Amino acid sequence: MRAVVQRVSCARVEIGGEVTGAVERGLLVFLGVGRGDDEKHGEYLAEKVAHLRIFEDAEERMNLSVLDVDGGVLVISQFTLYGDCRKGRRPSFIAAMEPGEADRLYRSFVEALRRFTPKVCEGVFQAHMHVSLVNDGPVTILLDSGRSF
């Protein structure tokens, strides 16, 4: 699994003009599921996201997690994180997992994250979404569960 994690002062997702998820101070997580991923990858990333120390403490050092600041997490499915643009001009998504299994593992990640905090909201898997955010910092972190096992 791959995740792009952004520290935000606010973020929201709209589908068909309706807001389906929003957070104030917290994290926006774009999550992609790749071929070969399983629940173990999702559990690893959920723990990493929940405890990632990218919020500033009183000395303005990144020492606090989203849990420490009582922030929320907005999770958006993003198969395009597996887009391969090395050949040609059109991305290949062959490394992305098939939608049915990807949806199951996406949900598994969200549930694993909710074991750390109830302040998790999400978009809708495979929907056309409009995501807006204010990146705080800016702070953007790339995580890949495949490089950690």
N, C-alpha and C. Protein backbone atom coordinates (compact mmCIF):
# COMPACT_ATOMS: atom_id res chain seq x y z
N MET A 1 0.85 -1.19 0.00
CA MET A 1 0.00 0.00 0.00
C MET A 1 0.88 1.23 0.00
N ARG A 2 0.34 2.25 -0.61
CA ARG A 2 1.02 3.53 -0.63
C ARG A 2 0.08 4.59 -0.06
N ALA A 3 0.67 5.52 0.66
CA ALA A 3 -0.12 6.60 1.23
C ALA A 3 0.63 7.92 1.07
N VAL A 4 -0.13 8.94 0.70
CA VAL A 4 0.35 10.31 0.74
C VAL A 4 -0.37 10.93 1.93
N VAL A 5 0.40 11.36 2.92
CA VAL A 5 -0.16 11.90 4.16
C VAL A 5 0.15 13.39 4.22
N GLN A 6 -0.89 14.20 4.34
CA GLN A 6 -0.71 15.64 4.42
C GLN A 6 -1.26 16.16 5.74
N ARG A 7 -0.44 16.97 6.42
CA ARG A 7 -0.92 17.65 7.62
C ARG A 7 -1.78 18.81 7.14
N VAL A 8 -3.00 18.89 7.64
CA VAL A 8 -3.94 19.90 7.15
C VAL A 8 -4.55 20.70 8.30
N SER A 9 -4.90 21.95 7.99
CA SER A 9 -5.68 22.72 8.94
C SER A 9 -7.17 22.51 8.67
N CYS A 10 -7.49 22.03 7.45
CA CYS A 10 -8.84 21.57 7.13
C CYS A 10 -8.80 20.82 5.80
N ALA A 11 -9.72 19.88 5.65
CA ALA A 11 -9.85 19.13 4.40
C ALA A 11 -11.27 18.58 4.32
N ARG A 12 -11.76 18.44 3.08
CA ARG A 12 -13.09 17.87 2.90
C ARG A 12 -13.19 17.21 1.54
N VAL A 13 -14.15 16.31 1.43
CA VAL A 13 -14.40 15.62 0.17
C VAL A 13 -15.89 15.78 -0.17
N GLU A 14 -16.13 16.08 -1.44
CA GLU A 14 -17.50 16.22 -1.93
C GLU A 14 -17.73 15.23 -3.06
N ILE A 15 -18.93 14.67 -3.07
CA ILE A 15 -19.35 13.80 -4.16
C ILE A 15 -20.72 14.29 -4.61
N GLY A 16 -20.80 14.67 -5.88
CA GLY A 16 -22.06 15.19 -6.40
C GLY A 16 -22.55 16.42 -5.66
N GLY A 17 -21.63 17.27 -5.20
CA GLY A 17 -22.00 18.49 -4.49
C GLY A 17 -22.29 18.30 -3.01
N GLU A 18 -22.26 17.06 -2.52
CA GLU A 18 -22.53 16.78 -1.11
C GLU A 18 -21.23 16.43 -0.38
N VAL A 19 -21.00 17.06 0.76
CA VAL A 19 -19.82 16.76 1.58
C VAL A 19 -20.03 15.41 2.25
N THR A 20 -19.11 14.47 2.00
CA THR A 20 -19.22 13.13 2.61
C THR A 20 -18.22 12.93 3.73
N GLY A 21 -17.25 13.82 3.85
CA GLY A 21 -16.28 13.74 4.94
C GLY A 21 -15.51 15.03 5.05
N ALA A 22 -15.18 15.41 6.29
CA ALA A 22 -14.42 16.64 6.51
C ALA A 22 -13.70 16.56 7.85
N VAL A 23 -12.54 17.20 7.91
CA VAL A 23 -11.79 17.32 9.16
C VAL A 23 -11.29 18.75 9.29
N GLU A 24 -11.13 19.17 10.52
CA GLU A 24 -10.43 20.42 10.78
C GLU A 24 -8.96 20.04 10.93
N ARG A 25 -8.29 20.47 11.95
CA ARG A 25 -6.87 20.12 12.13
C ARG A 25 -6.71 18.60 12.14
N GLY A 26 -5.77 18.13 11.33
CA GLY A 26 -5.55 16.69 11.28
C GLY A 26 -4.77 16.27 10.06
N LEU A 27 -5.17 15.12 9.51
CA LEU A 27 -4.45 14.53 8.37
C LEU A 27 -5.41 14.22 7.23
N LEU A 28 -4.90 14.38 6.02
CA LEU A 28 -5.56 13.90 4.82
C LEU A 28 -4.68 12.78 4.29
N VAL A 29 -5.26 11.60 4.12
CA VAL A 29 -4.51 10.43 3.66
C VAL A 29 -5.09 9.95 2.34
N PHE A 30 -4.28 10.00 1.28
CA PHE A 30 -4.63 9.38 0.01
C PHE A 30 -4.03 7.97 0.06
N LEU A 31 -4.85 6.94 -0.11
CA LEU A 31 -4.40 5.56 0.04
C LEU A 31 -4.59 4.77 -1.25
N GLY A 32 -3.51 4.16 -1.72
CA GLY A 32 -3.56 3.28 -2.88
C GLY A 32 -3.23 1.86 -2.47
N VAL A 33 -3.95 0.91 -3.06
CA VAL A 33 -3.73 -0.51 -2.76
C VAL A 33 -3.12 -1.16 -4.00
N GLY A 34 -2.00 -1.85 -3.81
CA GLY A 34 -1.30 -2.47 -4.92
C GLY A 34 -1.41 -3.99 -4.91
N ARG A 35 -1.11 -4.58 -6.04
CA ARG A 35 -1.09 -6.05 -6.14
C ARG A 35 -0.13 -6.60 -5.10
N GLY A 36 -0.53 -7.64 -4.40
CA GLY A 36 0.30 -8.25 -3.38
C GLY A 36 0.07 -7.70 -1.98
N ASP A 37 -0.70 -6.62 -1.86
CA ASP A 37 -0.98 -6.07 -0.53
C ASP A 37 -1.99 -6.97 0.19
N ASP A 38 -1.95 -6.92 1.52
CA ASP A 38 -2.91 -7.66 2.34
C ASP A 38 -3.20 -6.86 3.61
N GLU A 39 -3.95 -7.45 4.52
CA GLU A 39 -4.33 -6.76 5.76
C GLU A 39 -3.11 -6.32 6.57
N LYS A 40 -2.06 -7.10 6.52
CA LYS A 40 -0.84 -6.77 7.26
C LYS A 40 -0.29 -5.41 6.83
N HIS A 41 -0.34 -5.14 5.53
CA HIS A 41 0.12 -3.86 5.02
C HIS A 41 -0.75 -2.72 5.54
N GLY A 42 -2.06 -2.93 5.55
CA GLY A 42 -2.99 -1.92 6.04
C GLY A 42 -2.82 -1.64 7.52
N GLU A 43 -2.61 -2.69 8.31
CA GLU A 43 -2.41 -2.52 9.75
C GLU A 43 -1.12 -1.75 10.02
N TYR A 44 -0.07 -2.07 9.27
CA TYR A 44 1.20 -1.36 9.41
C TYR A 44 1.02 0.13 9.11
N LEU A 45 0.37 0.43 7.98
CA LEU A 45 0.19 1.84 7.60
C LEU A 45 -0.74 2.57 8.56
N ALA A 46 -1.79 1.92 9.04
CA ALA A 46 -2.71 2.56 9.99
C ALA A 46 -1.97 2.95 11.26
N GLU A 47 -1.14 2.05 11.77
CA GLU A 47 -0.36 2.35 12.97
C GLU A 47 0.62 3.48 12.71
N LYS A 48 1.25 3.45 11.54
CA LYS A 48 2.23 4.48 11.17
C LYS A 48 1.54 5.85 11.05
N VAL A 49 0.41 5.90 10.38
CA VAL A 49 -0.32 7.17 10.20
C VAL A 49 -0.76 7.72 11.55
N ALA A 50 -1.34 6.87 12.39
CA ALA A 50 -1.86 7.32 13.68
C ALA A 50 -0.76 7.89 14.58
N HIS A 51 0.44 7.33 14.49
CA HIS A 51 1.51 7.73 15.40
C HIS A 51 2.60 8.58 14.74
N LEU A 52 2.41 8.94 13.48
CA LEU A 52 3.39 9.76 12.77
C LEU A 52 3.51 11.12 13.46
N ARG A 53 4.69 11.47 13.90
CA ARG A 53 4.91 12.70 14.66
C ARG A 53 5.24 13.85 13.71
N ILE A 54 4.19 14.47 13.17
CA ILE A 54 4.38 15.57 12.22
C ILE A 54 3.65 16.84 12.63
N PHE A 55 3.19 16.88 13.89
CA PHE A 55 2.59 18.10 14.43
C PHE A 55 3.58 18.72 15.42
N GLU A 56 3.58 20.04 15.46
CA GLU A 56 4.56 20.74 16.28
C GLU A 56 4.16 20.78 17.75
N ASP A 57 5.17 20.66 18.61
CA ASP A 57 4.97 20.78 20.05
C ASP A 57 5.19 22.24 20.45
N ALA A 58 5.29 22.51 21.75
CA ALA A 58 5.45 23.88 22.25
C ALA A 58 6.75 24.52 21.78
N GLU A 59 7.77 23.70 21.47
CA GLU A 59 9.05 24.22 20.99
C GLU A 59 9.12 24.28 19.46
N GLU A 60 7.97 24.09 18.80
CA GLU A 60 7.85 24.12 17.35
C GLU A 60 8.65 23.01 16.66
N ARG A 61 8.76 21.87 17.33
CA ARG A 61 9.42 20.69 16.76
C ARG A 61 8.35 19.66 16.44
N MET A 62 8.53 18.93 15.37
CA MET A 62 7.58 17.88 15.00
C MET A 62 7.73 16.71 15.96
N ASN A 63 6.97 16.74 17.04
CA ASN A 63 7.03 15.70 18.06
C ASN A 63 5.67 15.10 18.39
N LEU A 64 4.61 15.61 17.80
CA LEU A 64 3.26 15.17 18.17
C LEU A 64 2.56 14.47 17.02
N SER A 65 1.74 13.50 17.36
CA SER A 65 0.96 12.76 16.36
C SER A 65 -0.44 13.36 16.28
N VAL A 66 -1.21 12.89 15.33
CA VAL A 66 -2.61 13.32 15.19
C VAL A 66 -3.39 12.94 16.45
N LEU A 67 -3.00 11.85 17.09
CA LEU A 67 -3.66 11.45 18.34
C LEU A 67 -3.35 12.45 19.45
N ASP A 68 -2.10 12.91 19.51
CA ASP A 68 -1.68 13.86 20.55
C ASP A 68 -2.40 15.19 20.43
N VAL A 69 -2.73 15.61 19.20
CA VAL A 69 -3.38 16.91 19.00
C VAL A 69 -4.89 16.77 18.87
N ASP A 70 -5.40 15.54 19.08
CA ASP A 70 -6.84 15.27 19.00
C ASP A 70 -7.41 15.68 17.64
N GLY A 71 -6.64 15.39 16.59
CA GLY A 71 -7.06 15.74 15.24
C GLY A 71 -7.86 14.64 14.57
N GLY A 72 -8.39 14.96 13.41
CA GLY A 72 -9.15 14.00 12.63
C GLY A 72 -8.34 13.52 11.44
N VAL A 73 -8.84 12.44 10.81
CA VAL A 73 -8.18 11.88 9.63
C VAL A 73 -9.23 11.68 8.54
N LEU A 74 -8.97 12.23 7.37
CA LEU A 74 -9.81 12.03 6.20
C LEU A 74 -9.05 11.10 5.26
N VAL A 75 -9.67 9.95 4.92
CA VAL A 75 -9.02 8.95 4.06
C VAL A 75 -9.73 8.92 2.71
N ILE A 76 -8.93 9.00 1.65
CA ILE A 76 -9.44 9.00 0.28
C ILE A 76 -8.76 7.88 -0.50
N SER A 77 -9.53 7.01 -1.14
CA SER A 77 -8.94 5.96 -1.98
C SER A 77 -8.33 6.60 -3.22
N GLN A 78 -7.16 6.11 -3.63
CA GLN A 78 -6.42 6.76 -4.71
C GLN A 78 -5.59 5.72 -5.47
N PHE A 79 -6.23 4.99 -6.38
CA PHE A 79 -5.50 3.97 -7.13
C PHE A 79 -4.40 4.56 -8.00
N THR A 80 -4.52 5.86 -8.33
CA THR A 80 -3.52 6.48 -9.20
C THR A 80 -2.14 6.60 -8.54
N LEU A 81 -2.04 6.31 -7.24
CA LEU A 81 -0.72 6.28 -6.60
C LEU A 81 0.14 5.16 -7.17
N TYR A 82 -0.50 4.22 -7.86
CA TYR A 82 0.23 3.13 -8.52
C TYR A 82 0.41 3.37 -10.01
N GLY A 83 0.19 4.60 -10.46
CA GLY A 83 0.40 4.93 -11.87
C GLY A 83 1.89 4.90 -12.21
N ASP A 84 2.21 4.18 -13.27
CA ASP A 84 3.60 4.06 -13.73
C ASP A 84 3.73 4.88 -15.02
N CYS A 85 4.52 5.93 -14.97
CA CYS A 85 4.67 6.84 -16.11
C CYS A 85 6.05 6.74 -16.75
N ARG A 86 6.77 5.68 -16.47
CA ARG A 86 8.13 5.57 -17.00
C ARG A 86 8.16 5.34 -18.50
N LYS A 87 7.12 4.74 -19.05
CA LYS A 87 7.10 4.44 -20.48
C LYS A 87 5.90 5.13 -21.12
N GLY A 88 6.14 5.89 -22.13
CA GLY A 88 5.07 6.58 -22.83
C GLY A 88 4.54 7.77 -22.07
N ARG A 89 3.35 8.23 -22.45
CA ARG A 89 2.77 9.43 -21.85
C ARG A 89 1.49 9.14 -21.09
N ARG A 90 1.01 7.92 -21.21
CA ARG A 90 -0.22 7.54 -20.50
C ARG A 90 0.16 6.61 -19.36
N PRO A 91 -0.27 6.91 -18.12
CA PRO A 91 0.10 6.05 -16.99
C PRO A 91 -0.46 4.64 -17.13
N SER A 92 0.31 3.68 -16.69
CA SER A 92 -0.14 2.30 -16.60
C SER A 92 -0.50 2.04 -15.14
N PHE A 93 -1.62 1.38 -14.92
CA PHE A 93 -2.05 1.08 -13.56
C PHE A 93 -2.03 -0.41 -13.27
N ILE A 94 -1.18 -1.13 -13.97
CA ILE A 94 -1.10 -2.58 -13.82
C ILE A 94 -0.68 -3.00 -12.41
N ALA A 95 0.03 -2.14 -11.69
CA ALA A 95 0.48 -2.47 -10.33
C ALA A 95 -0.61 -2.24 -9.28
N ALA A 96 -1.70 -1.56 -9.66
CA ALA A 96 -2.81 -1.34 -8.73
C ALA A 96 -3.63 -2.62 -8.62
N MET A 97 -4.16 -2.86 -7.43
CA MET A 97 -4.98 -4.05 -7.21
C MET A 97 -6.35 -3.89 -7.89
N GLU A 98 -6.92 -5.01 -8.25
CA GLU A 98 -8.26 -5.01 -8.85
C GLU A 98 -9.26 -4.39 -7.87
N PRO A 99 -10.28 -3.68 -8.37
CA PRO A 99 -11.18 -2.91 -7.51
C PRO A 99 -11.86 -3.69 -6.37
N GLY A 100 -12.36 -4.87 -6.61
CA GLY A 100 -13.07 -5.61 -5.56
C GLY A 100 -12.20 -5.88 -4.35
N GLU A 101 -11.01 -6.41 -4.57
CA GLU A 101 -10.09 -6.69 -3.47
C GLU A 101 -9.51 -5.40 -2.90
N ALA A 102 -9.26 -4.41 -3.75
CA ALA A 102 -8.74 -3.13 -3.27
C ALA A 102 -9.73 -2.46 -2.31
N ASP A 103 -11.01 -2.53 -2.63
CA ASP A 103 -12.04 -1.96 -1.76
C ASP A 103 -12.02 -2.64 -0.40
N ARG A 104 -11.91 -3.96 -0.38
CA ARG A 104 -11.88 -4.71 0.87
C ARG A 104 -10.67 -4.29 1.72
N LEU A 105 -9.50 -4.16 1.08
CA LEU A 105 -8.29 -3.80 1.82
C LEU A 105 -8.30 -2.32 2.23
N TYR A 106 -8.90 -1.47 1.42
CA TYR A 106 -9.08 -0.06 1.79
C TYR A 106 -9.91 0.02 3.06
N ARG A 107 -11.02 -0.73 3.09
CA ARG A 107 -11.89 -0.74 4.27
C ARG A 107 -11.17 -1.32 5.49
N SER A 108 -10.34 -2.32 5.26
CA SER A 108 -9.55 -2.91 6.34
C SER A 108 -8.60 -1.86 6.93
N PHE A 109 -7.97 -1.05 6.09
CA PHE A 109 -7.10 0.04 6.55
C PHE A 109 -7.89 1.03 7.40
N VAL A 110 -9.05 1.45 6.91
CA VAL A 110 -9.87 2.43 7.62
C VAL A 110 -10.28 1.89 8.99
N GLU A 111 -10.68 0.62 9.04
CA GLU A 111 -11.07 0.03 10.32
C GLU A 111 -9.88 -0.08 11.26
N ALA A 112 -8.70 -0.41 10.74
CA ALA A 112 -7.49 -0.47 11.57
C ALA A 112 -7.17 0.92 12.13
N LEU A 113 -7.34 1.95 11.32
CA LEU A 113 -7.10 3.32 11.77
C LEU A 113 -8.10 3.71 12.85
N ARG A 114 -9.34 3.27 12.71
CA ARG A 114 -10.38 3.59 13.71
C ARG A 114 -10.11 2.91 15.06
N ARG A 115 -9.29 1.90 15.08
CA ARG A 115 -8.91 1.29 16.37
C ARG A 115 -8.01 2.24 17.16
N PHE A 116 -7.37 3.17 16.49
CA PHE A 116 -6.53 4.17 17.16
C PHE A 116 -7.32 5.43 17.49
N THR A 117 -8.23 5.83 16.60
CA THR A 117 -9.01 7.05 16.80
C THR A 117 -10.37 6.92 16.13
N PRO A 118 -11.42 7.39 16.79
CA PRO A 118 -12.75 7.36 16.15
C PRO A 118 -12.93 8.51 15.17
N LYS A 119 -11.99 9.45 15.14
CA LYS A 119 -12.12 10.64 14.30
C LYS A 119 -11.61 10.38 12.89
N VAL A 120 -12.21 9.39 12.23
CA VAL A 120 -11.84 9.03 10.86
C VAL A 120 -13.07 9.18 9.99
N CYS A 121 -12.92 9.89 8.88
CA CYS A 121 -13.98 9.97 7.88
C CYS A 121 -13.35 9.63 6.54
N GLU A 122 -14.18 9.43 5.54
CA GLU A 122 -13.64 8.97 4.26
C GLU A 122 -14.47 9.41 3.08
N GLY A 123 -13.87 9.23 1.93
CA GLY A 123 -14.58 9.43 0.68
C GLY A 123 -15.33 8.15 0.35
N VAL A 124 -15.68 7.97 -0.92
CA VAL A 124 -16.38 6.78 -1.37
C VAL A 124 -15.52 6.08 -2.41
N PHE A 125 -15.22 4.83 -2.17
CA PHE A 125 -14.35 4.06 -3.05
C PHE A 125 -14.89 4.08 -4.48
N GLN A 126 -14.04 4.37 -5.44
CA GLN A 126 -14.32 4.42 -6.88
C GLN A 126 -15.26 5.56 -7.31
N ALA A 127 -15.59 6.46 -6.42
CA ALA A 127 -16.44 7.59 -6.80
C ALA A 127 -15.58 8.71 -7.38
N HIS A 128 -16.19 9.55 -8.18
CA HIS A 128 -15.52 10.77 -8.65
C HIS A 128 -15.68 11.79 -7.52
N MET A 129 -14.55 12.18 -6.92
CA MET A 129 -14.59 13.04 -5.74
C MET A 129 -13.89 14.37 -6.01
N HIS A 130 -14.33 15.39 -5.31
CA HIS A 130 -13.65 16.67 -5.27
C HIS A 130 -13.10 16.83 -3.86
N VAL A 131 -11.78 16.87 -3.76
CA VAL A 131 -11.11 16.97 -2.47
C VAL A 131 -10.50 18.36 -2.35
N SER A 132 -10.79 19.04 -1.25
CA SER A 132 -10.17 20.35 -1.01
C SER A 132 -9.46 20.29 0.34
N LEU A 133 -8.37 21.05 0.42
CA LEU A 133 -7.57 21.01 1.64
C LEU A 133 -6.75 22.27 1.78
N VAL A 134 -6.35 22.53 3.01
CA VAL A 134 -5.35 23.54 3.30
C VAL A 134 -4.21 22.78 3.96
N ASN A 135 -3.11 22.61 3.21
CA ASN A 135 -1.95 21.90 3.72
C ASN A 135 -1.26 22.81 4.72
N ASP A 136 -1.03 22.30 5.91
CA ASP A 136 -0.44 23.08 7.00
C ASP A 136 1.05 22.83 7.04
N GLY A 137 1.83 23.84 6.69
CA GLY A 137 3.29 23.71 6.75
C GLY A 137 3.98 24.30 5.53
N PRO A 138 3.91 23.70 4.40
CA PRO A 138 3.26 22.45 4.05
C PRO A 138 4.04 21.24 4.56
N VAL A 139 3.30 20.22 4.96
CA VAL A 139 3.89 18.95 5.38
C VAL A 139 3.21 17.85 4.58
N THR A 140 4.00 17.13 3.80
CA THR A 140 3.51 16.00 3.01
C THR A 140 4.52 14.86 3.14
N ILE A 141 4.02 13.68 3.53
CA ILE A 141 4.86 12.51 3.77
C ILE A 141 4.38 11.38 2.87
N LEU A 142 5.33 10.67 2.25
CA LEU A 142 5.00 9.49 1.44
C LEU A 142 5.32 8.24 2.26
N LEU A 143 4.36 7.31 2.31
CA LEU A 143 4.56 6.04 3.02
C LEU A 143 4.29 4.90 2.05
N ASP A 144 5.07 3.85 2.16
CA ASP A 144 4.90 2.67 1.32
C ASP A 144 5.13 1.43 2.18
N SER A 145 4.09 0.65 2.39
CA SER A 145 4.19 -0.52 3.26
C SER A 145 5.09 -1.60 2.66
N GLY A 146 5.23 -1.64 1.35
CA GLY A 146 6.05 -2.65 0.70
C GLY A 146 7.53 -2.51 0.98
N ARG A 147 7.95 -1.33 1.35
CA ARG A 147 9.37 -1.09 1.64
C ARG A 147 9.71 -1.35 3.09
N SER A 148 8.74 -1.73 3.88
CA SER A 148 8.98 -1.86 5.31
C SER A 148 8.94 -3.31 5.79
N PHE A 149 8.56 -4.24 4.96
CA PHE A 149 8.50 -5.64 5.39
C PHE A 149 9.70 -6.39 4.87
